Amino acid sequence: MEFTWTEEQQTLRKEAREFARAAVEKHGWHADSWINGYSKEFAREMGEKGWIGLTWPAEYGGGGRPAIDRLIIGEELIAAGAPLAAMWFADRQMGPALITFGREDQQAEFLPNMLTGETTWCIGMSEPNSGSDLASLVTSARREGDEFVINGQKIWTSFGALADYCYLICRTSSEGPPHAGISEVIVPMDSDGIEVRTIKDMTTNRHFTEVFFTDVRVPVHNLVGIEGNAFKQTMRQLEHERGGIDRLVSNQAIYQMAVERADRSDPLIRQEIAALESAYRIGRILVIREVLQQAPSGFSAATKCFCTEHEWRVAQFVARVLGPEATLWNETTKAIAYAPGYTIMGGTSNVMRNILGERVLGLPREPR
């Protein structure tokens, strides 16, 4: 692999860095900005810039640009702390899902407002008592005529209180093995029967929510893909979610701050910085492989596991550099406290290792 960046890519990185700096000055700095930095105004600015749907095919309104360009822009914006959360899920997952599995009328209805940053999307995936086992979900969508009637509960639904639409993973049939009978349905969040309760985590962030569905009616027309056969569709989504640059650079800003403050005359400190810098470069290579579609199928589990555990180690390094100051409550220490979430969101590290062992390495399951 040629590890140097082209002149065009270097120019794009400089442009993204300047754009990110201006965004932080205007909208404020956010740790873990792709998940905790919500700004509808900045989402619209991203849309005007043409940086939402940058890699989507031009026939769907996207930029038709190489995937590496999105990585460059995302790396600079997240590392700087620019507030991407209002458009990130739509750009990363929902748009590509509709392009791949949606009908033409769905693409025409939903993609344009994603591209302009007008609509925010949440993902109705995790459920109480299910952990990372997607196939165990029980939220149901029962057909009644030309409508689905939805009942159930989702949890850890980021931006459920702010989103315009929920991309809901639900069960339309209970027959067959657990992964069968799963469907994906677009649910407007202003539908009757939806109750959203925010969850305040220990950093005081409130992007997580519980979402309750009680006899929520949506048209069957909102089904994405094949009814009862969406498990593979969702697995495709998770490849986008787990192998991206957002899983590596969430706390890069506080790391740079800590490096500047650290006593680099101490050989142990220098050794730790060298280890973190090396791990960052390894993680970046793993993400680039995902972006260029050079990684084996399912390998995003390994990428996510390595990168998020690196982010956790970064947070521990920052805390040690700050010393007693790390106990004072500010944006930096909130970012440190948020670090355990890296290895949980999108699938825990233990689950990622199981996926890697079973689906990539082909290791046998332990007999039961």
Protein backbone atom coordinates (compact mmCIF):
# COMPACT_ATOMS: atom_id res chain seq x y z
CA MET A 1 0.00 0.00 0.00
CA GLU A 2 1.15 3.52 -0.78
CA PHE A 3 0.92 5.39 2.51
CA THR A 4 1.46 8.90 1.19
CA TRP A 5 -1.48 11.21 0.57
CA THR A 6 -2.02 12.75 -2.85
CA GLU A 7 -1.77 16.50 -3.30
CA GLU A 8 -5.56 16.66 -3.69
CA GLN A 9 -6.06 14.75 -0.45
CA GLN A 10 -3.67 17.02 1.41
CA THR A 11 -5.57 20.04 0.11
CA LEU A 12 -8.85 18.48 1.22
CA ARG A 13 -7.43 17.80 4.69
CA LYS A 14 -6.33 21.43 5.01
CA GLU A 15 -9.77 22.61 3.92
CA ALA A 16 -11.47 20.26 6.41
CA ARG A 17 -9.18 21.39 9.23
CA GLU A 18 -9.97 25.05 8.59
CA PHE A 19 -13.69 24.31 8.30
CA ALA A 20 -13.54 22.37 11.59
CA ARG A 21 -11.73 25.21 13.36
CA ALA A 22 -14.38 27.69 12.22
CA ALA A 23 -17.15 25.32 13.29
CA VAL A 24 -15.73 25.00 16.81
CA GLU A 25 -15.40 28.78 17.09
CA LYS A 26 -19.03 29.22 16.03
CA HIS A 27 -20.76 26.23 17.63
CA GLY A 28 -18.44 25.32 20.49
CA TRP A 29 -16.12 22.39 21.17
CA HIS A 30 -17.58 18.96 21.87
CA ALA A 31 -15.80 15.87 23.10
CA ASP A 32 -16.89 12.78 21.16
CA SER A 33 -18.54 15.20 18.78
CA TRP A 34 -20.10 12.68 16.38
CA ILE A 35 -22.27 11.37 19.22
CA ASN A 36 -22.38 14.23 21.77
CA GLY A 37 -22.16 17.35 19.60
CA TYR A 38 -25.64 18.11 18.30
CA SER A 39 -26.15 21.18 16.12
CA LYS A 40 -28.85 21.34 13.47
CA GLU A 41 -27.33 24.56 12.17
CA PHE A 42 -23.97 22.90 11.59
CA ALA A 43 -25.71 19.95 9.90
CA ARG A 44 -27.18 22.41 7.41
CA GLU A 45 -23.74 23.97 6.91
CA MET A 46 -22.37 20.50 6.18
CA GLY A 47 -25.16 20.02 3.66
CA GLU A 48 -24.40 23.33 1.96
CA LYS A 49 -20.76 22.30 1.81
CA GLY A 50 -21.72 19.06 0.06
CA TRP A 51 -20.13 17.02 2.82
CA ILE A 52 -23.23 14.99 3.70
CA GLY A 53 -23.56 12.06 1.33
CA LEU A 54 -20.13 12.90 -0.01
CA THR A 55 -19.55 9.30 -1.15
CA TRP A 56 -23.12 8.46 -2.15
CA PRO A 57 -23.63 7.90 -5.89
CA ALA A 58 -24.38 11.07 -7.84
CA GLU A 59 -27.67 9.63 -9.15
CA TYR A 60 -28.97 9.73 -5.55
CA GLY A 61 -27.85 13.32 -4.99
CA GLY A 62 -24.53 12.39 -3.42
CA GLY A 63 -21.07 13.65 -4.22
CA GLY A 64 -19.84 10.47 -5.86
CA ARG A 65 -16.46 11.02 -4.19
CA PRO A 66 -14.01 8.31 -3.07
CA ALA A 67 -14.62 6.88 0.38
CA ILE A 68 -11.17 8.01 1.51
CA ASP A 69 -12.30 11.63 1.14
CA ARG A 70 -15.03 11.11 3.75
CA LEU A 71 -12.46 9.58 6.09
CA ILE A 72 -10.18 12.61 5.72
CA ILE A 73 -13.01 15.07 6.41
CA GLY A 74 -14.43 13.02 9.28
CA GLU A 75 -11.04 12.63 10.91
CA GLU A 76 -10.43 16.37 10.96
CA LEU A 77 -13.94 17.34 12.08
CA ILE A 78 -14.18 14.80 14.90
CA ALA A 79 -10.61 15.37 16.10
CA ALA A 80 -11.36 19.10 16.30
CA GLY A 81 -14.65 18.58 18.18
CA ALA A 82 -17.07 19.93 15.54
CA PRO A 83 -20.72 18.99 16.33
CA LEU A 84 -21.63 16.33 13.77
CA ALA A 85 -24.29 14.36 15.62
CA ALA A 86 -27.36 15.86 13.94
CA MET A 87 -26.37 14.41 10.55
CA TRP A 88 -23.91 11.61 11.33
CA PHE A 89 -26.25 8.61 11.48
CA ALA A 90 -28.06 9.57 8.29
CA ASP A 91 -24.80 10.10 6.43
CA ARG A 92 -23.09 7.00 7.83
CA GLN A 93 -25.90 4.44 7.81
CA MET A 94 -29.43 5.45 6.92
CA GLY A 95 -28.65 6.97 3.54
CA PRO A 96 -26.48 4.04 2.39
CA ALA A 97 -29.13 1.59 3.69
CA LEU A 98 -31.86 3.28 1.64
CA ILE A 99 -29.60 3.45 -1.42
CA THR A 100 -28.87 -0.28 -1.15
CA PHE A 101 -32.21 -1.70 0.02
CA GLY A 102 -34.83 1.04 -0.33
CA ARG A 103 -37.28 1.59 -3.16
CA GLU A 104 -36.97 4.48 -5.58
CA ASP A 105 -39.90 6.32 -4.01
CA GLN A 106 -38.31 5.98 -0.53
CA GLN A 107 -35.02 7.28 -1.86
CA ALA A 108 -36.79 10.23 -3.46
CA GLU A 109 -38.71 10.97 -0.25
CA PHE A 110 -35.97 10.70 2.37
CA LEU A 111 -32.52 11.21 0.80
CA PRO A 112 -32.84 14.90 -0.20
CA ASN A 113 -33.52 16.11 3.35
CA MET A 114 -30.70 13.95 4.67
CA LEU A 115 -28.34 15.59 2.20
CA THR A 116 -29.30 19.11 3.26
CA GLY A 117 -29.03 18.30 6.97
CA GLU A 118 -32.73 19.03 7.51
CA THR A 119 -33.64 15.68 9.05
CA THR A 120 -32.08 13.87 11.99
CA TRP A 121 -32.40 10.09 12.24
CA CYS A 122 -32.14 7.70 15.17
CA ILE A 123 -31.69 3.93 15.03
CA GLY A 124 -34.13 1.72 16.94
CA MET A 125 -31.93 -1.29 17.53
CA SER A 126 -30.98 -2.10 21.15
CA GLU A 127 -33.62 -3.42 23.54
CA PRO A 128 -33.80 -4.11 27.29
CA ASN A 129 -32.58 -7.61 28.19
CA SER A 130 -31.07 -8.12 24.72
CA GLY A 131 -27.58 -6.69 25.17
CA SER A 132 -25.70 -6.97 21.89
CA ASP A 133 -27.81 -9.92 20.69
CA LEU A 134 -29.82 -8.33 17.90
CA ALA A 135 -31.58 -11.59 17.03
CA SER A 136 -33.26 -11.63 20.44
CA LEU A 137 -35.26 -8.44 19.85
CA VAL A 138 -38.99 -8.60 20.54
CA THR A 139 -40.38 -5.22 19.42
CA SER A 140 -43.11 -6.29 17.01
CA ALA A 141 -44.67 -4.86 13.87
CA ARG A 142 -47.93 -6.66 13.14
CA ARG A 143 -49.64 -6.20 9.79
CA GLU A 144 -53.17 -4.85 9.80
CA GLY A 145 -54.25 -4.15 6.26
CA ASP A 146 -51.87 -1.65 4.74
CA GLU A 147 -50.35 -0.67 8.11
CA PHE A 148 -47.88 -2.06 10.63
CA VAL A 149 -48.95 -1.82 14.27
CA ILE A 150 -45.78 -1.50 16.36
CA ASN A 151 -45.43 -2.40 20.03
CA GLY A 152 -42.28 -2.66 22.13
CA GLN A 153 -39.39 -0.76 23.62
CA LYS A 154 -35.97 0.38 22.48
CA ILE A 155 -33.17 1.66 24.69
CA TRP A 156 -29.88 3.55 24.25
CA THR A 157 -31.49 5.17 21.21
CA SER A 158 -29.29 8.18 20.57
CA PHE A 159 -31.24 11.35 19.74
CA GLY A 160 -34.62 9.68 20.04
CA ALA A 161 -35.89 12.93 21.58
CA LEU A 162 -34.63 15.04 18.68
CA ALA A 163 -34.91 12.81 15.64
CA ASP A 164 -37.43 13.23 12.87
CA TYR A 165 -37.37 9.54 11.95
CA CYS A 166 -36.48 6.25 13.59
CA TYR A 167 -34.96 3.52 11.45
CA LEU A 168 -36.59 0.72 13.42
CA ILE A 169 -35.34 -2.86 13.59
CA CYS A 170 -38.36 -4.94 14.58
CA ARG A 171 -39.90 -8.39 14.40
CA THR A 172 -42.63 -9.01 11.83
CA SER A 173 -42.68 -12.78 12.42
CA SER A 174 -41.86 -15.10 15.32
CA GLU A 175 -41.58 -18.23 13.21
CA GLY A 176 -38.28 -19.91 12.44
CA PRO A 177 -34.83 -19.23 13.95
CA PRO A 178 -34.26 -16.02 15.97
CA HIS A 179 -32.59 -14.10 13.14
CA ALA A 180 -35.55 -14.76 10.82
CA GLY A 181 -38.62 -12.56 10.84
CA ILE A 182 -36.70 -9.32 11.41
CA SER A 183 -37.64 -6.26 9.34
CA GLU A 184 -36.59 -2.63 9.00
CA VAL A 185 -39.30 0.03 9.05
CA ILE A 186 -39.09 3.83 8.87
CA VAL A 187 -41.12 5.35 11.72
CA PRO A 188 -41.83 9.11 11.92
CA MET A 189 -41.04 10.15 15.48
CA ASP A 190 -44.14 12.34 15.72
CA SER A 191 -46.39 9.28 15.30
CA ASP A 192 -49.13 8.73 17.86
CA GLY A 193 -48.20 6.14 20.48
CA ILE A 194 -44.49 7.00 20.76
CA GLU A 195 -43.12 8.01 24.16
CA VAL A 196 -39.50 9.09 24.51
CA ARG A 197 -37.68 9.29 27.84
CA THR A 198 -34.20 10.76 27.97
CA ILE A 199 -31.41 8.98 29.85
CA LYS A 200 -28.82 11.15 31.58
CA ASP A 201 -25.48 9.37 31.73
CA MET A 202 -22.78 10.05 34.31
CA THR A 203 -21.27 12.79 32.15
CA THR A 204 -24.69 14.59 32.14
CA ASN A 205 -25.14 13.95 28.41
CA ARG A 206 -28.73 13.23 27.40
CA HIS A 207 -28.45 11.88 23.86
CA PHE A 208 -29.45 8.37 24.99
CA THR A 209 -33.18 7.69 25.24
CA GLU A 210 -35.72 5.00 25.89
CA VAL A 211 -38.41 4.84 23.20
CA PHE A 212 -41.74 3.13 23.88
CA PHE A 213 -44.04 2.09 21.03
CA THR A 214 -47.70 1.49 21.90
CA ASP A 215 -49.94 0.60 18.94
CA VAL A 216 -47.93 2.89 16.69
CA ARG A 217 -49.31 2.74 13.16
CA VAL A 218 -47.11 3.28 10.11
CA PRO A 219 -47.80 2.41 6.49
CA VAL A 220 -46.49 -0.93 5.21
CA HIS A 221 -45.09 1.34 2.51
CA ASN A 222 -42.38 2.32 5.06
CA LEU A 223 -40.87 -1.19 5.03
CA VAL A 224 -37.27 -1.10 3.78
CA GLY A 225 -36.16 -4.15 1.83
CA ILE A 226 -37.74 -7.58 2.21
CA GLU A 227 -40.14 -8.21 5.06
CA GLY A 228 -38.72 -10.72 7.55
CA ASN A 229 -35.33 -10.83 5.84
CA ALA A 230 -33.60 -7.75 7.25
CA PHE A 231 -31.05 -9.41 9.51
CA LYS A 232 -28.44 -9.30 6.73
CA GLN A 233 -29.43 -5.71 5.94
CA THR A 234 -28.78 -4.73 9.55
CA MET A 235 -25.46 -6.58 9.58
CA ARG A 236 -24.49 -4.51 6.54
CA GLN A 237 -25.38 -1.36 8.49
CA LEU A 238 -23.20 -2.45 11.38
CA GLU A 239 -20.24 -2.82 9.05
CA HIS A 240 -20.59 0.93 8.36
CA GLU A 241 -21.07 1.67 12.06
CA ARG A 242 -18.19 -0.33 13.49
CA GLY A 243 -15.35 0.28 11.06
CA GLY A 244 -15.38 4.07 10.68
CA ILE A 245 -13.00 6.84 11.69
CA ASP A 246 -15.44 7.90 14.44
CA ARG A 247 -14.34 4.82 16.39
CA LEU A 248 -10.74 6.06 16.53
CA VAL A 249 -10.59 9.84 16.94
CA SER A 250 -13.43 10.59 19.38
CA ASN A 251 -11.06 11.92 22.06
CA GLN A 252 -8.15 13.01 19.90
CA ALA A 253 -8.52 16.63 20.98
CA ILE A 254 -7.99 15.93 24.68
CA TYR A 255 -5.07 13.63 23.79
CA GLN A 256 -3.30 16.47 21.96
CA MET A 257 -3.91 18.73 24.95
CA ALA A 258 -2.44 16.13 27.30
CA VAL A 259 0.66 15.60 25.13
CA GLU A 260 1.38 19.33 25.26
CA ARG A 261 1.05 19.34 29.06
CA ALA A 262 2.86 16.06 29.75
CA ASP A 263 6.40 15.95 31.13
CA ARG A 264 8.07 14.62 28.01
CA SER A 265 11.47 14.66 29.71
CA ASP A 266 10.25 11.55 31.55
CA PRO A 267 11.23 8.46 29.50
CA LEU A 268 8.17 6.54 30.75
CA ILE A 269 5.87 9.31 29.52
CA ARG A 270 7.65 9.33 26.16
CA GLN A 271 7.27 5.56 25.97
CA GLU A 272 3.53 5.79 26.65
CA ILE A 273 3.09 8.52 24.04
CA ALA A 274 5.01 6.40 21.53
CA ALA A 275 2.76 3.42 22.25
CA LEU A 276 -0.39 5.52 21.80
CA GLU A 277 0.91 7.11 18.61
CA SER A 278 1.78 3.67 17.22
CA ALA A 279 -1.65 2.31 18.14
CA TYR A 280 -3.32 5.32 16.52
CA ARG A 281 -1.50 4.61 13.26
CA ILE A 282 -2.42 0.94 13.40
CA GLY A 283 -6.05 1.83 14.03
CA ARG A 284 -5.99 4.27 11.15
CA ILE A 285 -4.71 1.56 8.81
CA LEU A 286 -7.51 -0.75 9.97
CA VAL A 287 -10.10 1.96 9.29
CA ILE A 288 -8.60 2.71 5.87
CA ARG A 289 -8.84 -0.99 5.00
CA GLU A 290 -12.52 -0.89 5.92
CA VAL A 291 -13.10 2.28 3.92
CA LEU A 292 -11.37 0.87 0.86
CA GLN A 293 -13.26 -2.44 1.28
CA GLN A 294 -10.01 -4.36 1.56
CA ALA A 295 -10.85 -5.96 4.93
CA PRO A 296 -12.44 -9.44 5.14
CA SER A 297 -16.17 -9.64 5.69
CA GLY A 298 -16.95 -9.14 9.37
CA PHE A 299 -13.52 -7.72 10.15
CA SER A 300 -15.06 -4.41 11.24
CA ALA A 301 -15.57 -6.16 14.59
CA ALA A 302 -11.80 -6.30 15.01
CA THR A 303 -11.40 -2.72 13.82
CA LYS A 304 -14.03 -1.46 16.26
CA CYS A 305 -12.54 -3.46 19.13
CA PHE A 306 -8.97 -2.26 18.55
CA CYS A 307 -9.87 1.37 17.93
CA THR A 308 -12.27 1.84 20.84
CA GLU A 309 -9.91 0.15 23.28
CA HIS A 310 -7.24 2.55 22.03
CA GLU A 311 -9.59 5.46 22.79
CA TRP A 312 -10.08 4.10 26.31
CA ARG A 313 -6.29 3.98 26.81
CA VAL A 314 -6.05 7.56 25.55
CA ALA A 315 -8.54 8.64 28.22
CA GLN A 316 -6.50 6.91 30.93
CA PHE A 317 -3.35 8.68 29.71
CA VAL A 318 -5.10 12.06 29.81
CA ALA A 319 -6.31 11.40 33.34
CA ARG A 320 -2.79 10.54 34.53
CA VAL A 321 -1.33 13.66 32.92
CA LEU A 322 -3.97 15.88 34.55
CA GLY A 323 -3.52 14.26 37.95
CA PRO A 324 -5.78 15.83 40.62
CA GLU A 325 -7.15 18.22 37.98
CA ALA A 326 -8.91 15.21 36.43
CA THR A 327 -11.35 15.31 39.36
CA LEU A 328 -12.52 18.84 38.50
CA TRP A 329 -15.73 18.85 36.47
CA ASN A 330 -15.25 20.35 32.99
CA GLU A 331 -15.53 19.30 29.37
CA THR A 332 -12.18 17.48 29.45
CA THR A 333 -13.00 15.39 32.49
CA LYS A 334 -16.46 14.68 31.08
CA ALA A 335 -14.67 13.23 28.06
CA ILE A 336 -12.54 11.06 30.36
CA ALA A 337 -15.63 9.82 32.19
CA TYR A 338 -17.32 9.01 28.88
CA ALA A 339 -14.51 6.68 27.79
CA PRO A 340 -15.98 3.36 29.08
CA GLY A 341 -18.80 3.86 26.58
CA TYR A 342 -16.45 3.50 23.61
CA THR A 343 -16.11 -0.25 24.06
CA ILE A 344 -19.85 -0.73 24.66
CA MET A 345 -21.63 1.35 21.99
CA GLY A 346 -22.13 -0.53 18.75
CA GLY A 347 -21.38 -3.87 20.40
CA THR A 348 -19.19 -4.69 23.37
CA SER A 349 -15.57 -5.73 22.95
CA ASN A 350 -16.41 -9.26 24.13
CA VAL A 351 -19.08 -9.56 21.45
CA MET A 352 -16.68 -8.15 18.85
CA ARG A 353 -14.13 -10.83 19.77
CA ASN A 354 -16.78 -13.53 19.44
CA ILE A 355 -17.74 -12.24 15.99
CA LEU A 356 -14.10 -12.16 14.96
CA GLY A 357 -13.48 -15.69 16.20
CA GLU A 358 -16.60 -17.26 14.72
CA ARG A 359 -17.23 -15.35 11.50
CA VAL A 360 -13.74 -14.29 10.43
CA LEU A 361 -11.40 -16.92 11.88
CA GLY A 362 -13.91 -19.76 11.69
CA LEU A 363 -13.19 -20.97 15.22
CA PRO A 364 -15.60 -23.59 16.61
CA ARG A 365 -18.22 -22.59 19.14
CA GLU A 366 -17.89 -23.98 22.62
CA PRO A 367 -20.19 -27.04 23.02
CA ARG A 368 -23.20 -26.43 25.23
